PDB file of N, CA and C in Angstrom:
ATOM      1  N   MET A   1     -12.337  -7.139  12.656  1.00  0.00           N
ATOM      2  CA  MET A   1     -11.970  -5.940  11.942  1.00  0.00           C
ATOM      3  C   MET A   1     -10.530  -6.074  11.462  1.00  0.00           C
ATOM      4  N   LYS A   2     -10.302  -5.728  10.192  1.00  0.00           N
ATOM      5  CA  LYS A   2      -8.967  -5.789   9.631  1.00  0.00           C
ATOM      6  C   LYS A   2      -8.336  -4.401   9.655  1.00  0.00           C
ATOM      7  N   TRP A   3      -7.019  -4.401   9.783  1.00  0.00           N
ATOM      8  CA  TRP A   3      -6.233  -3.172   9.726  1.00  0.00           C
ATOM      9  C   TRP A   3      -5.410  -3.181   8.454  1.00  0.00           C
ATOM     10  N   LEU A   4      -5.370  -2.053   7.759  1.00  0.00           N
ATOM     11  CA  LEU A   4      -4.641  -1.918   6.506  1.00  0.00           C
ATOM     12  C   LEU A   4      -3.551  -0.861   6.636  1.00  0.00           C
ATOM     13  N   ILE A   5      -2.526  -1.010   5.823  1.00  0.00           N
ATOM     14  CA  ILE A   5      -1.477  -0.001   5.737  1.00  0.00           C
ATOM     15  C   ILE A   5      -1.919   1.025   4.695  1.00  0.00           C
ATOM     16  N   VAL A   6      -1.889   2.293   5.085  1.00  0.00           N
ATOM     17  CA  VAL A   6      -2.297   3.364   4.188  1.00  0.00           C
ATOM     18  C   VAL A   6      -1.192   4.412   4.120  1.00  0.00           C
ATOM     19  N   ALA A   7      -1.170   5.123   3.009  1.00  0.00           N
ATOM     20  CA  ALA A   7      -0.213   6.224   2.843  1.00  0.00           C
ATOM     21  C   ALA A   7      -0.986   7.469   2.450  1.00  0.00           C
ATOM     22  N   LEU A   8      -0.676   8.569   3.098  1.00  0.00           N
ATOM     23  CA  LEU A   8      -1.268   9.858   2.770  1.00  0.00           C
ATOM     24  C   LEU A   8      -0.302  10.596   1.857  1.00  0.00           C
ATOM     25  N   LEU A   9      -0.775  10.961   0.668  1.00  0.00           N
ATOM     26  CA  LEU A   9       0.054  11.640  -0.328  1.00  0.00           C
ATOM     27  C   LEU A   9      -0.396  13.081  -0.477  1.00  0.00           C
ATOM     28  N   LEU A  10       0.559  13.990  -0.631  1.00  0.00           N
ATOM     29  CA  LEU A  10       0.273  15.397  -0.870  1.00  0.00           C
ATOM     30  C   LEU A  10       0.777  15.759  -2.265  1.00  0.00           C
ATOM     31  N   PHE A  11      -0.140  16.205  -3.119  1.00  0.00           N
ATOM     32  CA  PHE A  11       0.199  16.565  -4.492  1.00  0.00           C
ATOM     33  C   PHE A  11       0.613  18.035  -4.563  1.00  0.00           C
ATOM     34  N   PRO A  12       1.389  18.414  -5.582  1.00  0.00           N
ATOM     35  CA  PRO A  12       1.896  19.788  -5.689  1.00  0.00           C
ATOM     36  C   PRO A  12       0.787  20.848  -5.684  1.00  0.00           C
ATOM     37  N   ASN A  13      -0.398  20.510  -6.161  1.00  0.00           N
ATOM     38  CA  ASN A  13      -1.501  21.481  -6.198  1.00  0.00           C
ATOM     39  C   ASN A  13      -2.231  21.582  -4.857  1.00  0.00           C
ATOM     40  N   GLY A  14      -1.770  20.836  -3.844  1.00  0.00           N
ATOM     41  CA  GLY A  14      -2.381  20.896  -2.521  1.00  0.00           C
ATOM     42  C   GLY A  14      -3.381  19.787  -2.237  1.00  0.00           C
ATOM     43  N   ASP A  15      -3.751  19.024  -3.255  1.00  0.00           N
ATOM     44  CA  ASP A  15      -4.680  17.911  -3.054  1.00  0.00           C
ATOM     45  C   ASP A  15      -4.020  16.816  -2.228  1.00  0.00           C
ATOM     46  N   GLU A  16      -4.812  16.142  -1.414  1.00  0.00           N
ATOM     47  CA  GLU A  16      -4.342  14.991  -0.651  1.00  0.00           C
ATOM     48  C   GLU A  16      -5.051  13.753  -1.164  1.00  0.00           C
ATOM     49  N   ASN A  17      -4.364  12.632  -1.118  1.00  0.00           N
ATOM     50  CA  ASN A  17      -4.952  11.363  -1.537  1.00  0.00           C
ATOM     51  C   ASN A  17      -4.431  10.268  -0.612  1.00  0.00           C
ATOM     52  N   VAL A  18      -5.291   9.310  -0.324  1.00  0.00           N
ATOM     53  CA  VAL A  18      -4.908   8.178   0.506  1.00  0.00           C
ATOM     54  C   VAL A  18      -4.869   6.940  -0.381  1.00  0.00           C
ATOM     55  N   ILE A  19      -3.767   6.196  -0.311  1.00  0.00           N
ATOM     56  CA  ILE A  19      -3.683   4.915  -1.010  1.00  0.00           C
ATOM     57  C   ILE A  19      -3.495   3.835   0.040  1.00  0.00           C
ATOM     58  N   HIS A  20      -3.957   2.640  -0.274  1.00  0.00           N
ATOM     59  CA  HIS A  20      -3.833   1.536   0.676  1.00  0.00           C
ATOM     60  C   HIS A  20      -3.568   0.234  -0.051  1.00  0.00           C
ATOM     61  N   ASN A  21      -3.107  -0.736   0.699  1.00  0.00           N
ATOM     62  CA  ASN A  21      -2.781  -2.058   0.180  1.00  0.00           C
ATOM     63  C   ASN A  21      -3.735  -3.052   0.821  1.00  0.00           C
ATOM     64  N   GLN A  22      -4.688  -3.567   0.056  1.00  0.00           N
ATOM     65  CA  GLN A  22      -5.661  -4.506   0.608  1.00  0.00           C
ATOM     66  C   GLN A  22      -5.136  -5.940   0.632  1.00  0.00           C
ATOM     67  N   GLN A  23      -4.037  -6.222  -0.049  1.00  0.00           N
ATOM     68  CA  GLN A  23      -3.471  -7.568  -0.027  1.00  0.00           C
ATOM     69  C   GLN A  23      -2.800  -7.872   1.305  1.00  0.00           C
ATOM     70  N   LEU A  24      -2.378  -6.845   1.999  1.00  0.00           N
ATOM     71  CA  LEU A  24      -1.672  -7.018   3.255  1.00  0.00           C
ATOM     72  C   LEU A  24      -2.541  -6.427   4.362  1.00  0.00           C
ATOM     73  N   SER A  25      -3.099  -7.293   5.224  1.00  0.00           N
ATOM     74  CA  SER A  25      -3.949  -6.810   6.308  1.00  0.00           C
ATOM     75  C   SER A  25      -3.556  -7.497   7.612  1.00  0.00           C
ATOM     76  N   PHE A  26      -3.983  -6.891   8.706  1.00  0.00           N
ATOM     77  CA  PHE A  26      -3.619  -7.361  10.034  1.00  0.00           C
ATOM     78  C   PHE A  26      -4.868  -7.460  10.899  1.00  0.00           C
ATOM     79  N   SER A  27      -4.829  -8.338  11.864  1.00  0.00           N
ATOM     80  CA  SER A  27      -5.993  -8.535  12.730  1.00  0.00           C
ATOM     81  C   SER A  27      -6.065  -7.517  13.861  1.00  0.00           C
ATOM     82  N   ASP A  28      -4.934  -6.862  14.172  1.00  0.00           N
ATOM     83  CA  ASP A  28      -4.939  -5.863  15.235  1.00  0.00           C
ATOM     84  C   ASP A  28      -4.006  -4.710  14.891  1.00  0.00           C
ATOM     85  N   LYS A  29      -4.239  -3.597  15.548  1.00  0.00           N
ATOM     86  CA  LYS A  29      -3.495  -2.372  15.253  1.00  0.00           C
ATOM     87  C   LYS A  29      -2.019  -2.503  15.607  1.00  0.00           C
ATOM     88  N   GLU A  30      -1.715  -3.136  16.721  1.00  0.00           N
ATOM     89  CA  GLU A  30      -0.319  -3.248  17.155  1.00  0.00           C
ATOM     90  C   GLU A  30       0.553  -4.001  16.155  1.00  0.00           C
ATOM     91  N   SER A  31       0.068  -5.123  15.638  1.00  0.00           N
ATOM     92  CA  SER A  31       0.882  -5.878  14.674  1.00  0.00           C
ATOM     93  C   SER A  31       1.054  -5.086  13.379  1.00  0.00           C
ATOM     94  N   CYS A  32       0.038  -4.333  12.999  1.00  0.00           N
ATOM     95  CA  CYS A  32       0.142  -3.482  11.809  1.00  0.00           C
ATOM     96  C   CYS A  32       1.175  -2.383  12.037  1.00  0.00           C
ATOM     97  N   ARG A  33       1.096  -1.698  13.175  1.00  0.00           N
ATOM     98  CA  ARG A  33       2.039  -0.618  13.482  1.00  0.00           C
ATOM     99  C   ARG A  33       3.474  -1.133  13.544  1.00  0.00           C
ATOM    100  N   GLU A  34       3.666  -2.284  14.142  1.00  0.00           N
ATOM    101  CA  GLU A  34       5.007  -2.856  14.230  1.00  0.00           C
ATOM    102  C   GLU A  34       5.556  -3.150  12.835  1.00  0.00           C
ATOM    103  N   TYR A  35       4.715  -3.724  11.970  1.00  0.00           N
ATOM    104  CA  TYR A  35       5.132  -4.038  10.605  1.00  0.00           C
ATOM    105  C   TYR A  35       5.504  -2.758   9.855  1.00  0.00           C
ATOM    106  N   VAL A  36       4.714  -1.702  10.026  1.00  0.00           N
ATOM    107  CA  VAL A  36       4.996  -0.428   9.358  1.00  0.00           C
ATOM    108  C   VAL A  36       6.309   0.156   9.862  1.00  0.00           C
ATOM    109  N   MET A  37       6.529   0.120  11.170  1.00  0.00           N
ATOM    110  CA  MET A  37       7.767   0.676  11.724  1.00  0.00           C
ATOM    111  C   MET A  37       8.998  -0.070  11.218  1.00  0.00           C
ATOM    112  N   ILE A  38       8.919  -1.383  11.153  1.00  0.00           N
ATOM    113  CA  ILE A  38      10.053  -2.185  10.695  1.00  0.00           C
ATOM    114  C   ILE A  38      10.328  -1.965   9.211  1.00  0.00           C
ATOM    115  N   ASN A  39       9.268  -1.770   8.430  1.00  0.00           N
ATOM    116  CA  ASN A  39       9.395  -1.699   6.970  1.00  0.00           C
ATOM    117  C   ASN A  39       9.137  -0.305   6.397  1.00  0.00           C
ATOM    118  N   ALA A  40       9.254   0.742   7.199  1.00  0.00           N
ATOM    119  CA  ALA A  40       8.923   2.105   6.754  1.00  0.00           C
ATOM    120  C   ALA A  40       9.686   2.514   5.496  1.00  0.00           C
ATOM    121  N   ASN A  41      10.993   2.288   5.469  1.00  0.00           N
ATOM    122  CA  ASN A  41      11.791   2.674   4.298  1.00  0.00           C
ATOM    123  C   ASN A  41      11.388   1.894   3.058  1.00  0.00           C
ATOM    124  N   LEU A  42      11.091   0.629   3.237  1.00  0.00           N
ATOM    125  CA  LEU A  42      10.650  -0.205   2.111  1.00  0.00           C
ATOM    126  C   LEU A  42       9.334   0.316   1.528  1.00  0.00           C
ATOM    127  N   PHE A  43       8.389   0.691   2.403  1.00  0.00           N
ATOM    128  CA  PHE A  43       7.115   1.238   1.928  1.00  0.00           C
ATOM    129  C   PHE A  43       7.327   2.539   1.169  1.00  0.00           C
ATOM    130  N   ARG A  44       8.130   3.432   1.728  1.00  0.00           N
ATOM    131  CA  ARG A  44       8.366   4.716   1.062  1.00  0.00           C
ATOM    132  C   ARG A  44       9.028   4.521  -0.301  1.00  0.00           C
ATOM    133  N   HIS A  45       9.971   3.601  -0.368  1.00  0.00           N
ATOM    134  CA  HIS A  45      10.622   3.313  -1.652  1.00  0.00           C
ATOM    135  C   HIS A  45       9.597   2.754  -2.649  1.00  0.00           C
ATOM    136  N   GLY A  46       8.800   1.794  -2.213  1.00  0.00           N
ATOM    137  CA  GLY A  46       7.783   1.199  -3.089  1.00  0.00           C
ATOM    138  C   GLY A  46       6.770   2.216  -3.580  1.00  0.00           C
ATOM    139  N   ILE A  47       6.350   3.109  -2.691  1.00  0.00           N
ATOM    140  CA  ILE A  47       5.393   4.151  -3.083  1.00  0.00           C
ATOM    141  C   ILE A  47       6.039   5.085  -4.098  1.00  0.00           C
ATOM    142  N   ASN A  48       7.298   5.439  -3.903  1.00  0.00           N
ATOM    143  CA  ASN A  48       7.986   6.296  -4.868  1.00  0.00           C
ATOM    144  C   ASN A  48       8.137   5.625  -6.226  1.00  0.00           C
ATOM    145  N   VAL A  49       8.414   4.338  -6.239  1.00  0.00           N
ATOM    146  CA  VAL A  49       8.484   3.611  -7.512  1.00  0.00           C
ATOM    147  C   VAL A  49       7.128   3.675  -8.217  1.00  0.00           C
ATOM    148  N   TYR A  50       6.060   3.452  -7.457  1.00  0.00           N
ATOM    149  CA  TYR A  50       4.697   3.536  -8.007  1.00  0.00           C
ATOM    150  C   TYR A  50       4.428   4.942  -8.554  1.00  0.00           C
ATOM    151  N   LEU A  51       4.748   5.977  -7.775  1.00  0.00           N
ATOM    152  CA  LEU A  51       4.509   7.353  -8.215  1.00  0.00           C
ATOM    153  C   LEU A  51       5.333   7.692  -9.451  1.00  0.00           C
ATOM    154  N   ASN A  52       6.590   7.238  -9.492  1.00  0.00           N
ATOM    155  CA  ASN A  52       7.434   7.472 -10.661  1.00  0.00           C
ATOM    156  C   ASN A  52       6.829   6.824 -11.904  1.00  0.00           C
ATOM    157  N   SER A  53       6.274   5.630 -11.752  1.00  0.00           N
ATOM    158  CA  SER A  53       5.689   4.945 -12.908  1.00  0.00           C
ATOM    159  C   SER A  53       4.398   5.624 -13.362  1.00  0.00           C
ATOM    160  N   MET A  54       3.676   6.228 -12.421  1.00  0.00           N
ATOM    161  CA  MET A  54       2.403   6.889 -12.765  1.00  0.00           C
ATOM    162  C   MET A  54       2.601   8.308 -13.301  1.00  0.00           C
ATOM    163  N   PHE A  55       3.541   9.066 -12.704  1.00  0.00           N
ATOM    164  CA  PHE A  55       3.642  10.492 -12.989  1.00  0.00           C
ATOM    165  C   PHE A  55       5.005  10.938 -13.516  1.00  0.00           C
ATOM    166  N   GLY A  56       5.956  10.034 -13.664  1.00  0.00           N
ATOM    167  CA  GLY A  56       7.299  10.411 -14.079  1.00  0.00           C
ATOM    168  C   GLY A  56       8.149  10.769 -12.871  1.00  0.00           C
ATOM    169  N   TYR A  57       9.429  11.001 -13.111  1.00  0.00           N
ATOM    170  CA  TYR A  57      10.377  11.205 -12.017  1.00  0.00           C
ATOM    171  C   TYR A  57      10.292  12.586 -11.360  1.00  0.00           C
ATOM    172  N   ASN A  58       9.663  13.537 -11.996  1.00  0.00           N
ATOM    173  CA  ASN A  58       9.578  14.892 -11.442  1.00  0.00           C
ATOM    174  C   ASN A  58       8.166  15.195 -10.932  1.00  0.00           C
ATOM    175  N   HIS A  59       7.522  14.233 -10.310  1.00  0.00           N
ATOM    176  CA  HIS A  59       6.112  14.378  -9.915  1.00  0.00           C
ATOM    177  C   HIS A  59       5.892  15.300  -8.720  1.00  0.00           C
ATOM    178  N   GLU A  60       6.860  15.491  -7.858  1.00  0.00           N
ATOM    179  CA  GLU A  60       6.782  16.351  -6.678  1.00  0.00           C
ATOM    180  C   GLU A  60       5.684  15.942  -5.687  1.00  0.00           C
ATOM    181  N   VAL A  61       5.204  14.716  -5.754  1.00  0.00           N
ATOM    182  CA  VAL A  61       4.230  14.215  -4.787  1.00  0.00           C
ATOM    183  C   VAL A  61       4.979  13.837  -3.518  1.00  0.00           C
ATOM    184  N   LYS A  62       4.503  14.308  -2.390  1.00  0.00           N
ATOM    185  CA  LYS A  62       5.142  14.038  -1.107  1.00  0.00           C
ATOM    186  C   LYS A  62       4.372  12.961  -0.355  1.00  0.00           C
ATOM    187  N   ILE A  63       5.094  12.058   0.262  1.00  0.00           N
ATOM    188  CA  ILE A  63       4.477  11.055   1.124  1.00  0.00           C
ATOM    189  C   ILE A  63       4.388  11.677   2.516  1.00  0.00           C
ATOM    190  N   GLN A  64       3.182  12.052   2.921  1.00  0.00           N
ATOM    191  CA  GLN A  64       2.993  12.688   4.223  1.00  0.00           C
ATOM    192  C   GLN A  64       3.153  11.696   5.364  1.00  0.00           C
ATOM    193  N   SER A  65       2.574  10.509   5.202  1.00  0.00           N
ATOM    194  CA  SER A  65       2.665   9.506   6.269  1.00  0.00           C
ATOM    195  C   SER A  65       2.342   8.128   5.728  1.00  0.00           C
ATOM    196  N   VAL A  66       2.848   7.137   6.433  1.00  0.00           N
ATOM    197  CA  VAL A  66       2.497   5.734   6.199  1.00  0.00           C
ATOM    198  C   VAL A  66       2.078   5.217   7.567  1.00  0.00           C
ATOM    199  N   HIS A  67       0.840   4.759   7.667  1.00  0.00           N
ATOM    200  CA  HIS A  67       0.323   4.329   8.959  1.00  0.00           C
ATOM    201  C   HIS A  67      -0.764   3.270   8.784  1.00  0.00           C
ATOM    202  N   CYS A  68      -1.390   2.877   9.874  1.00  0.00           N
ATOM    203  CA  CYS A  68      -2.427   1.843   9.864  1.00  0.00           C
ATOM    204  C   CYS A  68      -3.795   2.457  10.121  1.00  0.00           C
ATOM    205  N   GLU A  69      -4.798   1.927   9.427  1.00  0.00           N
ATOM    206  CA  GLU A  69      -6.182   2.333   9.640  1.00  0.00           C
ATOM    207  C   GLU A  69      -7.069   1.104   9.577  1.00  0.00           C
ATOM    208  N   LYS A  70      -8.201   1.198  10.267  1.00  0.00           N
ATOM    209  CA  LYS A  70      -9.197   0.134  10.176  1.00  0.00           C
ATOM    210  C   LYS A  70      -9.772   0.120   8.772  1.00  0.00           C
ATOM    211  N   GLU A  71     -10.016  -1.083   8.272  1.00  0.00           N
ATOM    212  CA  GLU A  71     -10.661  -1.206   6.968  1.00  0.00           C
ATOM    213  C   GLU A  71     -12.091  -0.706   7.091  1.00  0.00           C
ATOM    214  N   LYS A  72     -12.498   0.115   6.143  1.00  0.00           N
ATOM    215  CA  LYS A  72     -13.852   0.662   6.167  1.00  0.00           C
ATOM    216  C   LYS A  72     -14.850  -0.377   5.696  1.00  0.00           C
ATOM    217  N   ASP A  73     -16.038  -0.267   6.234  1.00  0.00           N
ATOM    218  CA  ASP A  73     -17.162  -1.069   5.769  1.00  0.00           C
ATOM    219  C   ASP A  73     -17.358  -0.766   4.280  1.00  0.00           C
ATOM    220  N   PRO A  74     -17.518  -1.787   3.424  1.00  0.00           N
ATOM    221  CA  PRO A  74     -17.625  -1.548   1.972  1.00  0.00           C
ATOM    222  C   PRO A  74     -18.744  -0.566   1.592  1.00  0.00           C
ATOM    223  N   GLU A  75     -19.884  -0.629   2.274  1.00  0.00           N
ATOM    224  CA  GLU A  75     -20.972   0.292   1.957  1.00  0.00           C
ATOM    225  C   GLU A  75     -20.612   1.723   2.351  1.00  0.00           C
ATOM    226  N   LYS A  76     -19.970   1.884   3.506  1.00  0.00           N
ATOM    227  CA  LYS A  76     -19.550   3.220   3.931  1.00  0.00           C
ATOM    228  C   LYS A  76     -18.498   3.765   2.976  1.00  0.00           C
ATOM    229  N   LYS A  77     -17.594   2.889   2.507  1.00  0.00           N
ATOM    230  CA  LYS A  77     -16.568   3.327   1.565  1.00  0.00           C
ATOM    231  C   LYS A  77     -17.206   3.813   0.265  1.00  0.00           C
ATOM    232  N   LYS A  78     -18.219   3.100  -0.236  1.00  0.00           N
ATOM    233  CA  LYS A  78     -18.901   3.534  -1.460  1.00  0.00           C
ATOM    234  C   LYS A  78     -19.509   4.916  -1.268  1.00  0.00           C
ATOM    235  N   THR A  79     -20.145   5.130  -0.122  1.00  0.00           N
ATOM    236  CA  THR A  79     -20.752   6.427   0.169  1.00  0.00           C
ATOM    237  C   THR A  79     -19.684   7.508   0.265  1.00  0.00           C
ATOM    238  N   ASP A  80     -18.587   7.227   0.970  1.00  0.00           N
ATOM    239  CA  ASP A  80     -17.496   8.194   1.091  1.00  0.00           C
ATOM    240  C   ASP A  80     -16.909   8.536  -0.274  1.00  0.00           C
ATOM    241  N   ASP A  81     -16.683   7.511  -1.101  1.00  0.00           N
ATOM    242  CA  ASP A  81     -16.139   7.740  -2.443  1.00  0.00           C
ATOM    243  C   ASP A  81     -17.083   8.604  -3.275  1.00  0.00           C
ATOM    244  N   TYR A  82     -18.382   8.317  -3.188  1.00  0.00           N
ATOM    245  CA  TYR A  82     -19.382   9.084  -3.928  1.00  0.00           C
ATOM    246  C   TYR A  82     -19.361  10.545  -3.493  1.00  0.00           C
ATOM    247  N   LEU A  83     -19.320  10.779  -2.171  1.00  0.00           N
ATOM    248  CA  LEU A  83     -19.309  12.149  -1.664  1.00  0.00           C
ATOM    249  C   LEU A  83     -18.016  12.870  -2.044  1.00  0.00           C
ATOM    250  N   ASN A  84     -16.890  12.159  -2.002  1.00  0.00           N
ATOM    251  CA  ASN A  84     -15.613  12.766  -2.414  1.00  0.00           C
ATOM    252  C   ASN A  84     -15.634  13.154  -3.888  1.00  0.00           C
ATOM    253  N   ASP A  85     -16.231  12.307  -4.726  1.00  0.00           N
ATOM    254  CA  ASP A  85     -16.335  12.626  -6.147  1.00  0.00           C
ATOM    255  C   ASP A  85     -17.204  13.852  -6.387  1.00  0.00           C
ATOM    256  N   LEU A  86     -18.271  14.015  -5.598  1.00  0.00           N
ATOM    257  CA  LEU A  86     -19.134  15.176  -5.739  1.00  0.00           C
ATOM    258  C   LEU A  86     -18.415  16.475  -5.399  1.00  0.00           C
ATOM    259  N   MET A  87     -17.470  16.386  -4.456  1.00  0.00           N
ATOM    260  CA  MET A  87     -16.759  17.585  -4.014  1.00  0.00           C
ATOM    261  C   MET A  87     -15.653  18.000  -4.964  1.00  0.00           C
ATOM    262  N   LYS A  88     -15.295  17.181  -5.915  1.00  0.00           N
ATOM    263  CA  LYS A  88     -14.216  17.518  -6.865  1.00  0.00           C
ATOM    264  C   LYS A  88     -14.687  18.526  -7.882  1.00  0.00           C
TER     265      LYS A  88
END
């Protein structure tokens, strides 16, 4: 099982969104958590650069958290994405 770094974003309208980096993965939770703790400021800066490029400098999107999660099974992810789209 792989562990990924994910960020929970809160948009001004109250919507939440999770983004993740699939290029960087870890074999266990502890090594992922340690990497996140050491590089927390770097991740937040990188996410803000990404948000600025997507939405402009006044986007008001808040980074709620940066943490580690298990990578979801691809079939389960497809189902989750489908259900999330239905709820929009």
